[in-house]
Amino acid sequence: MHPLLNDFSDLTDNQIEDKIISLTQKYWKTANPQVQQQISLAIDTYKLEQQTRRASEQLKQQNQDSDNNSLDKLIKVS
């Protein structure tokens, strides 16, 4: 985790993707290894957030699918 990046709740998925692209471009434009290291750390932090959001979304989708296929909804008792 990059120490200056801590709250991503106000960013959309597209904004996170844009930040990753922008930082990647900046990484390749600089020749300073210390700056590259900091940019790389920031990119990794954004990618981790992106993966966490995708995993959370997949889990929600699996739970929703599981709820839709539960036996309670398939068996109708009158």
PDB file of N, CA and C in Angstrom:
ATOM      1  N   MET A   1       0.835  -1.184   0.000  1.00  0.00           N
ATOM      2  CA  MET A   1       0.000   0.000   0.000  1.00  0.00           C
ATOM      3  C   MET A   1       0.881   1.249   0.000  1.00  0.00           C
ATOM      4  N   HIS A   2       0.521   2.165  -0.859  1.00  0.00           N
ATOM      5  CA  HIS A   2       1.230   3.435  -0.918  1.00  0.00           C
ATOM      6  C   HIS A   2       0.756   4.291   0.253  1.00  0.00           C
ATOM      7  N   PRO A   3       1.661   4.909   0.991  1.00  0.00           N
ATOM      8  CA  PRO A   3       1.262   5.656   2.191  1.00  0.00           C
ATOM      9  C   PRO A   3       0.390   6.880   1.919  1.00  0.00           C
ATOM     10  N   LEU A   4       0.431   7.420   0.726  1.00  0.00           N
ATOM     11  CA  LEU A   4      -0.370   8.616   0.439  1.00  0.00           C
ATOM     12  C   LEU A   4      -1.716   8.296  -0.190  1.00  0.00           C
ATOM     13  N   LEU A   5      -1.959   7.036  -0.502  1.00  0.00           N
ATOM     14  CA  LEU A   5      -3.225   6.615  -1.085  1.00  0.00           C
ATOM     15  C   LEU A   5      -3.947   5.730  -0.082  1.00  0.00           C
ATOM     16  N   ASN A   6      -5.105   6.180   0.385  1.00  0.00           N
ATOM     17  CA  ASN A   6      -5.774   5.370   1.390  1.00  0.00           C
ATOM     18  C   ASN A   6      -7.281   5.244   1.214  1.00  0.00           C
ATOM     19  N   ASP A   7      -7.939   6.156   0.533  1.00  0.00           N
ATOM     20  CA  ASP A   7      -9.387   6.078   0.432  1.00  0.00           C
ATOM     21  C   ASP A   7      -9.800   6.082  -1.037  1.00  0.00           C
ATOM     22  N   PHE A   8     -10.368   4.975  -1.471  1.00  0.00           N
ATOM     23  CA  PHE A   8     -10.792   4.843  -2.864  1.00  0.00           C
ATOM     24  C   PHE A   8     -12.307   4.844  -3.003  1.00  0.00           C
ATOM     25  N   SER A   9     -13.024   5.062  -1.922  1.00  0.00           N
ATOM     26  CA  SER A   9     -14.481   4.958  -1.951  1.00  0.00           C
ATOM     27  C   SER A   9     -15.127   6.000  -2.865  1.00  0.00           C
ATOM     28  N   ASP A  10     -14.459   7.121  -3.078  1.00  0.00           N
ATOM     29  CA  ASP A  10     -15.039   8.160  -3.927  1.00  0.00           C
ATOM     30  C   ASP A  10     -14.676   7.987  -5.402  1.00  0.00           C
ATOM     31  N   LEU A  11     -13.876   6.968  -5.729  1.00  0.00           N
ATOM     32  CA  LEU A  11     -13.465   6.724  -7.106  1.00  0.00           C
ATOM     33  C   LEU A  11     -14.295   5.614  -7.733  1.00  0.00           C
ATOM     34  N   THR A  12     -14.647   5.794  -8.984  1.00  0.00           N
ATOM     35  CA  THR A  12     -15.348   4.750  -9.713  1.00  0.00           C
ATOM     36  C   THR A  12     -14.324   3.775 -10.281  1.00  0.00           C
ATOM     37  N   ASP A  13     -14.800   2.664 -10.793  1.00  0.00           N
ATOM     38  CA  ASP A  13     -13.901   1.678 -11.401  1.00  0.00           C
ATOM     39  C   ASP A  13     -13.167   2.275 -12.597  1.00  0.00           C
ATOM     40  N   ASN A  14     -13.862   3.072 -13.386  1.00  0.00           N
ATOM     41  CA  ASN A  14     -13.237   3.706 -14.545  1.00  0.00           C
ATOM     42  C   ASN A  14     -12.164   4.711 -14.133  1.00  0.00           C
ATOM     43  N   GLN A  15     -12.402   5.438 -13.068  1.00  0.00           N
ATOM     44  CA  GLN A  15     -11.408   6.395 -12.585  1.00  0.00           C
ATOM     45  C   GLN A  15     -10.150   5.677 -12.091  1.00  0.00           C
ATOM     46  N   ILE A  16     -10.329   4.544 -11.453  1.00  0.00           N
ATOM     47  CA  ILE A  16      -9.175   3.764 -11.003  1.00  0.00           C
ATOM     48  C   ILE A  16      -8.389   3.268 -12.203  1.00  0.00           C
ATOM     49  N   GLU A  17      -9.088   2.790 -13.222  1.00  0.00           N
ATOM     50  CA  GLU A  17      -8.419   2.332 -14.441  1.00  0.00           C
ATOM     51  C   GLU A  17      -7.658   3.481 -15.100  1.00  0.00           C
ATOM     52  N   ASP A  18      -8.264   4.656 -15.143  1.00  0.00           N
ATOM     53  CA  ASP A  18      -7.603   5.831 -15.718  1.00  0.00           C
ATOM     54  C   ASP A  18      -6.342   6.207 -14.933  1.00  0.00           C
ATOM     55  N   LYS A  19      -6.404   6.100 -13.613  1.00  0.00           N
ATOM     56  CA  LYS A  19      -5.231   6.404 -12.776  1.00  0.00           C
ATOM     57  C   LYS A  19      -4.102   5.421 -13.073  1.00  0.00           C
ATOM     58  N   ILE A  20      -4.439   4.155 -13.232  1.00  0.00           N
ATOM     59  CA  ILE A  20      -3.426   3.141 -13.533  1.00  0.00           C
ATOM     60  C   ILE A  20      -2.760   3.445 -14.872  1.00  0.00           C
ATOM     61  N   ILE A  21      -3.556   3.784 -15.870  1.00  0.00           N
ATOM     62  CA  ILE A  21      -3.016   4.112 -17.196  1.00  0.00           C
ATOM     63  C   ILE A  21      -2.128   5.349 -17.124  1.00  0.00           C
ATOM     64  N   SER A  22      -2.595   6.377 -16.436  1.00  0.00           N
ATOM     65  CA  SER A  22      -1.843   7.624 -16.314  1.00  0.00           C
ATOM     66  C   SER A  22      -0.514   7.403 -15.592  1.00  0.00           C
ATOM     67  N   LEU A  23      -0.563   6.669 -14.499  1.00  0.00           N
ATOM     68  CA  LEU A  23       0.668   6.407 -13.736  1.00  0.00           C
ATOM     69  C   LEU A  23       1.644   5.539 -14.522  1.00  0.00           C
ATOM     70  N   THR A  24       1.126   4.603 -15.291  1.00  0.00           N
ATOM     71  CA  THR A  24       1.993   3.761 -16.119  1.00  0.00           C
ATOM     72  C   THR A  24       2.722   4.601 -17.159  1.00  0.00           C
ATOM     73  N   GLN A  25       2.016   5.550 -17.762  1.00  0.00           N
ATOM     74  CA  GLN A  25       2.655   6.450 -18.732  1.00  0.00           C
ATOM     75  C   GLN A  25       3.738   7.287 -18.058  1.00  0.00           C
ATOM     76  N   LYS A  26       3.441   7.786 -16.879  1.00  0.00           N
ATOM     77  CA  LYS A  26       4.419   8.597 -16.149  1.00  0.00           C
ATOM     78  C   LYS A  26       5.624   7.763 -15.730  1.00  0.00           C
ATOM     79  N   TYR A  27       5.374   6.508 -15.382  1.00  0.00           N
ATOM     80  CA  TYR A  27       6.470   5.610 -14.997  1.00  0.00           C
ATOM     81  C   TYR A  27       7.492   5.498 -16.117  1.00  0.00           C
ATOM     82  N   TRP A  28       7.012   5.315 -17.342  1.00  0.00           N
ATOM     83  CA  TRP A  28       7.924   5.117 -18.463  1.00  0.00           C
ATOM     84  C   TRP A  28       8.557   6.419 -18.950  1.00  0.00           C
ATOM     85  N   LYS A  29       8.000   7.562 -18.566  1.00  0.00           N
ATOM     86  CA  LYS A  29       8.565   8.845 -18.982  1.00  0.00           C
ATOM     87  C   LYS A  29       9.728   9.295 -18.103  1.00  0.00           C
ATOM     88  N   THR A  30       9.791   8.804 -16.889  1.00  0.00           N
ATOM     89  CA  THR A  30      10.842   9.247 -15.980  1.00  0.00           C
ATOM     90  C   THR A  30      12.022   8.267 -15.984  1.00  0.00           C
ATOM     91  N   ALA A  31      13.190   8.805 -15.746  1.00  0.00           N
ATOM     92  CA  ALA A  31      14.392   7.978 -15.671  1.00  0.00           C
ATOM     93  C   ALA A  31      14.904   7.878 -14.234  1.00  0.00           C
ATOM     94  N   ASN A  32      14.230   8.544 -13.323  1.00  0.00           N
ATOM     95  CA  ASN A  32      14.630   8.549 -11.920  1.00  0.00           C
ATOM     96  C   ASN A  32      14.132   7.263 -11.244  1.00  0.00           C
ATOM     97  N   PRO A  33      15.029   6.408 -10.777  1.00  0.00           N
ATOM     98  CA  PRO A  33      14.608   5.132 -10.186  1.00  0.00           C
ATOM     99  C   PRO A  33      13.775   5.284  -8.907  1.00  0.00           C
ATOM    100  N   GLN A  34      14.046   6.324  -8.124  1.00  0.00           N
ATOM    101  CA  GLN A  34      13.261   6.533  -6.907  1.00  0.00           C
ATOM    102  C   GLN A  34      11.822   6.923  -7.246  1.00  0.00           C
ATOM    103  N   VAL A  35      11.665   7.758  -8.256  1.00  0.00           N
ATOM    104  CA  VAL A  35      10.321   8.158  -8.681  1.00  0.00           C
ATOM    105  C   VAL A  35       9.602   6.957  -9.286  1.00  0.00           C
ATOM    106  N   GLN A  36      10.320   6.179 -10.080  1.00  0.00           N
ATOM    107  CA  GLN A  36       9.718   4.975 -10.661  1.00  0.00           C
ATOM    108  C   GLN A  36       9.241   4.019  -9.570  1.00  0.00           C
ATOM    109  N   GLN A  37      10.009   3.905  -8.511  1.00  0.00           N
ATOM    110  CA  GLN A  37       9.629   3.021  -7.415  1.00  0.00           C
ATOM    111  C   GLN A  37       8.337   3.507  -6.749  1.00  0.00           C
ATOM    112  N   GLN A  38       8.227   4.808  -6.521  1.00  0.00           N
ATOM    113  CA  GLN A  38       7.027   5.361  -5.902  1.00  0.00           C
ATOM    114  C   GLN A  38       5.807   5.210  -6.818  1.00  0.00           C
ATOM    115  N   ILE A  39       6.013   5.444  -8.104  1.00  0.00           N
ATOM    116  CA  ILE A  39       4.916   5.292  -9.066  1.00  0.00           C
ATOM    117  C   ILE A  39       4.486   3.830  -9.128  1.00  0.00           C
ATOM    118  N   SER A  40       5.461   2.931  -9.121  1.00  0.00           N
ATOM    119  CA  SER A  40       5.156   1.502  -9.155  1.00  0.00           C
ATOM    120  C   SER A  40       4.347   1.081  -7.930  1.00  0.00           C
ATOM    121  N   LEU A  41       4.701   1.614  -6.798  1.00  0.00           N
ATOM    122  CA  LEU A  41       3.966   1.321  -5.570  1.00  0.00           C
ATOM    123  C   LEU A  41       2.526   1.842  -5.661  1.00  0.00           C
ATOM    124  N   ALA A  42       2.348   3.035  -6.214  1.00  0.00           N
ATOM    125  CA  ALA A  42       1.012   3.596  -6.391  1.00  0.00           C
ATOM    126  C   ALA A  42       0.202   2.758  -7.379  1.00  0.00           C
ATOM    127  N   ILE A  43       0.825   2.330  -8.466  1.00  0.00           N
ATOM    128  CA  ILE A  43       0.135   1.484  -9.451  1.00  0.00           C
ATOM    129  C   ILE A  43      -0.321   0.186  -8.792  1.00  0.00           C
ATOM    130  N   ASP A  44       0.568  -0.427  -8.019  1.00  0.00           N
ATOM    131  CA  ASP A  44       0.215  -1.668  -7.330  1.00  0.00           C
ATOM    132  C   ASP A  44      -0.949  -1.471  -6.367  1.00  0.00           C
ATOM    133  N   THR A  45      -0.981  -0.328  -5.704  1.00  0.00           N
ATOM    134  CA  THR A  45      -2.064  -0.029  -4.774  1.00  0.00           C
ATOM    135  C   THR A  45      -3.393   0.097  -5.517  1.00  0.00           C
ATOM    136  N   TYR A  46      -3.390   0.803  -6.642  1.00  0.00           N
ATOM    137  CA  TYR A  46      -4.617   0.926  -7.438  1.00  0.00           C
ATOM    138  C   TYR A  46      -5.051  -0.426  -8.003  1.00  0.00           C
ATOM    139  N   LYS A  47      -4.094  -1.238  -8.451  1.00  0.00           N
ATOM    140  CA  LYS A  47      -4.433  -2.561  -8.983  1.00  0.00           C
ATOM    141  C   LYS A  47      -5.002  -3.466  -7.899  1.00  0.00           C
ATOM    142  N   LEU A  48      -4.480  -3.356  -6.694  1.00  0.00           N
ATOM    143  CA  LEU A  48      -5.008  -4.134  -5.578  1.00  0.00           C
ATOM    144  C   LEU A  48      -6.454  -3.739  -5.290  1.00  0.00           C
ATOM    145  N   GLU A  49      -6.735  -2.457  -5.311  1.00  0.00           N
ATOM    146  CA  GLU A  49      -8.110  -1.984  -5.109  1.00  0.00           C
ATOM    147  C   GLU A  49      -9.010  -2.497  -6.229  1.00  0.00           C
ATOM    148  N   GLN A  50      -8.521  -2.465  -7.448  1.00  0.00           N
ATOM    149  CA  GLN A  50      -9.283  -2.945  -8.595  1.00  0.00           C
ATOM    150  C   GLN A  50      -9.598  -4.438  -8.439  1.00  0.00           C
ATOM    151  N   GLN A  51      -8.623  -5.233  -8.036  1.00  0.00           N
ATOM    152  CA  GLN A  51      -8.838  -6.667  -7.834  1.00  0.00           C
ATOM    153  C   GLN A  51      -9.812  -6.927  -6.697  1.00  0.00           C
ATOM    154  N   THR A  52      -9.710  -6.141  -5.635  1.00  0.00           N
ATOM    155  CA  THR A  52     -10.616  -6.297  -4.500  1.00  0.00           C
ATOM    156  C   THR A  52     -12.051  -6.013  -4.915  1.00  0.00           C
ATOM    157  N   ARG A  53     -12.245  -4.975  -5.699  1.00  0.00           N
ATOM    158  CA  ARG A  53     -13.593  -4.650  -6.172  1.00  0.00           C
ATOM    159  C   ARG A  53     -14.148  -5.739  -7.087  1.00  0.00           C
ATOM    160  N   ARG A  54     -13.305  -6.252  -7.970  1.00  0.00           N
ATOM    161  CA  ARG A  54     -13.757  -7.318  -8.872  1.00  0.00           C
ATOM    162  C   ARG A  54     -14.107  -8.584  -8.101  1.00  0.00           C
ATOM    163  N   ALA A  55     -13.291  -8.937  -7.120  1.00  0.00           N
ATOM    164  CA  ALA A  55     -13.560 -10.122  -6.311  1.00  0.00           C
ATOM    165  C   ALA A  55     -14.858  -9.947  -5.521  1.00  0.00           C
ATOM    166  N   SER A  56     -15.060  -8.760  -4.982  1.00  0.00           N
ATOM    167  CA  SER A  56     -16.288  -8.467  -4.242  1.00  0.00           C
ATOM    168  C   SER A  56     -17.507  -8.565  -5.153  1.00  0.00           C
ATOM    169  N   GLU A  57     -17.380  -8.053  -6.349  1.00  0.00           N
ATOM    170  CA  GLU A  57     -18.485  -8.115  -7.313  1.00  0.00           C
ATOM    171  C   GLU A  57     -18.784  -9.559  -7.708  1.00  0.00           C
ATOM    172  N   GLN A  58     -17.740 -10.360  -7.905  1.00  0.00           N
ATOM    173  CA  GLN A  58     -17.931 -11.768  -8.236  1.00  0.00           C
ATOM    174  C   GLN A  58     -18.620 -12.504  -7.092  1.00  0.00           C
ATOM    175  N   LEU A  59     -18.218 -12.218  -5.880  1.00  0.00           N
ATOM    176  CA  LEU A  59     -18.825 -12.847  -4.718  1.00  0.00           C
ATOM    177  C   LEU A  59     -20.300 -12.477  -4.613  1.00  0.00           C
ATOM    178  N   LYS A  60     -20.620 -11.221  -4.848  1.00  0.00           N
ATOM    179  CA  LYS A  60     -22.018 -10.793  -4.837  1.00  0.00           C
ATOM    180  C   LYS A  60     -22.814 -11.523  -5.901  1.00  0.00           C
ATOM    181  N   GLN A  61     -22.212 -11.650  -7.091  1.00  0.00           N
ATOM    182  CA  GLN A  61     -22.893 -12.333  -8.195  1.00  0.00           C
ATOM    183  C   GLN A  61     -23.108 -13.808  -7.864  1.00  0.00           C
ATOM    184  N   GLN A  62     -22.112 -14.455  -7.269  1.00  0.00           N
ATOM    185  CA  GLN A  62     -22.254 -15.862  -6.893  1.00  0.00           C
ATOM    186  C   GLN A  62     -23.321 -16.038  -5.825  1.00  0.00           C
ATOM    187  N   ASN A  63     -23.363 -15.142  -4.863  1.00  0.00           N
ATOM    188  CA  ASN A  63     -24.382 -15.214  -3.821  1.00  0.00           C
ATOM    189  C   ASN A  63     -25.765 -14.999  -4.406  1.00  0.00           C
ATOM    190  N   GLN A  64     -25.857 -14.090  -5.349  1.00  0.00           N
ATOM    191  CA  GLN A  64     -27.141 -13.824  -5.992  1.00  0.00           C
ATOM    192  C   GLN A  64     -27.584 -15.038  -6.804  1.00  0.00           C
ATOM    193  N   ASP A  65     -26.654 -15.646  -7.520  1.00  0.00           N
ATOM    194  CA  ASP A  65     -26.972 -16.847  -8.285  1.00  0.00           C
ATOM    195  C   ASP A  65     -27.372 -17.987  -7.357  1.00  0.00           C
ATOM    196  N   SER A  66     -26.682 -18.103  -6.236  1.00  0.00           N
ATOM    197  CA  SER A  66     -26.988 -19.145  -5.262  1.00  0.00           C
ATOM    198  C   SER A  66     -28.380 -18.936  -4.684  1.00  0.00           C
ATOM    199  N   ASP A  67     -28.733 -17.697  -4.399  1.00  0.00           N
ATOM    200  CA  ASP A  67     -30.067 -17.399  -3.875  1.00  0.00           C
ATOM    201  C   ASP A  67     -31.141 -17.718  -4.898  1.00  0.00           C
ATOM    202  N   ASN A  68     -30.865 -17.463  -6.150  1.00  0.00           N
ATOM    203  CA  ASN A  68     -31.840 -17.727  -7.205  1.00  0.00           C
ATOM    204  C   ASN A  68     -32.046 -19.223  -7.427  1.00  0.00           C
ATOM    205  N   ASN A  69     -31.059 -20.034  -7.091  1.00  0.00           N
ATOM    206  CA  ASN A  69     -31.146 -21.472  -7.313  1.00  0.00           C
ATOM    207  C   ASN A  69     -31.448 -22.260  -6.038  1.00  0.00           C
ATOM    208  N   SER A  70     -31.772 -21.576  -4.980  1.00  0.00           N
ATOM    209  CA  SER A  70     -32.011 -22.278  -3.724  1.00  0.00           C
ATOM    210  C   SER A  70     -33.276 -23.120  -3.804  1.00  0.00           C
ATOM    211  N   LEU A  71     -33.321 -24.167  -3.003  1.00  0.00           N
ATOM    212  CA  LEU A  71     -34.473 -25.076  -3.010  1.00  0.00           C
ATOM    213  C   LEU A  71     -35.737 -24.386  -2.502  1.00  0.00           C
ATOM    214  N   ASP A  72     -35.597 -23.410  -1.638  1.00  0.00           N
ATOM    215  CA  ASP A  72     -36.765 -22.718  -1.110  1.00  0.00           C
ATOM    216  C   ASP A  72     -37.589 -22.085  -2.224  1.00  0.00           C
ATOM    217  N   LYS A  73     -36.919 -21.590  -3.238  1.00  0.00           N
ATOM    218  CA  LYS A  73     -37.633 -20.933  -4.325  1.00  0.00           C
ATOM    219  C   LYS A  73     -38.125 -21.937  -5.360  1.00  0.00           C
ATOM    220  N   LEU A  74     -37.519 -23.129  -5.386  1.00  0.00           N
ATOM    221  CA  LEU A  74     -37.927 -24.140  -6.343  1.00  0.00           C
ATOM    222  C   LEU A  74     -39.124 -24.948  -5.853  1.00  0.00           C
ATOM    223  N   ILE A  75     -39.271 -25.089  -4.559  1.00  0.00           N
ATOM    224  CA  ILE A  75     -40.374 -25.865  -3.992  1.00  0.00           C
ATOM    225  C   ILE A  75     -41.446 -24.899  -3.527  1.00  0.00           C
ATOM    226  N   LYS A  76     -42.616 -25.075  -4.084  1.00  0.00           N
ATOM    227  CA  LYS A  76     -43.730 -24.197  -3.709  1.00  0.00           C
ATOM    228  C   LYS A  76     -44.723 -25.001  -2.895  1.00  0.00           C
ATOM    229  N   VAL A  77     -44.912 -24.592  -1.649  1.00  0.00           N
ATOM    230  CA  VAL A  77     -45.840 -25.281  -0.755  1.00  0.00           C
ATOM    231  C   VAL A  77     -47.036 -24.370  -0.564  1.00  0.00           C
ATOM    232  N   SER A  78     -48.235 -24.932  -0.816  1.00  0.00           N
ATOM    233  CA  SER A  78     -49.452 -24.128  -0.652  1.00  0.00           C
ATOM    234  C   SER A  78     -50.207 -24.520   0.576  1.00  0.00           C
TER     235      SER A  78
END
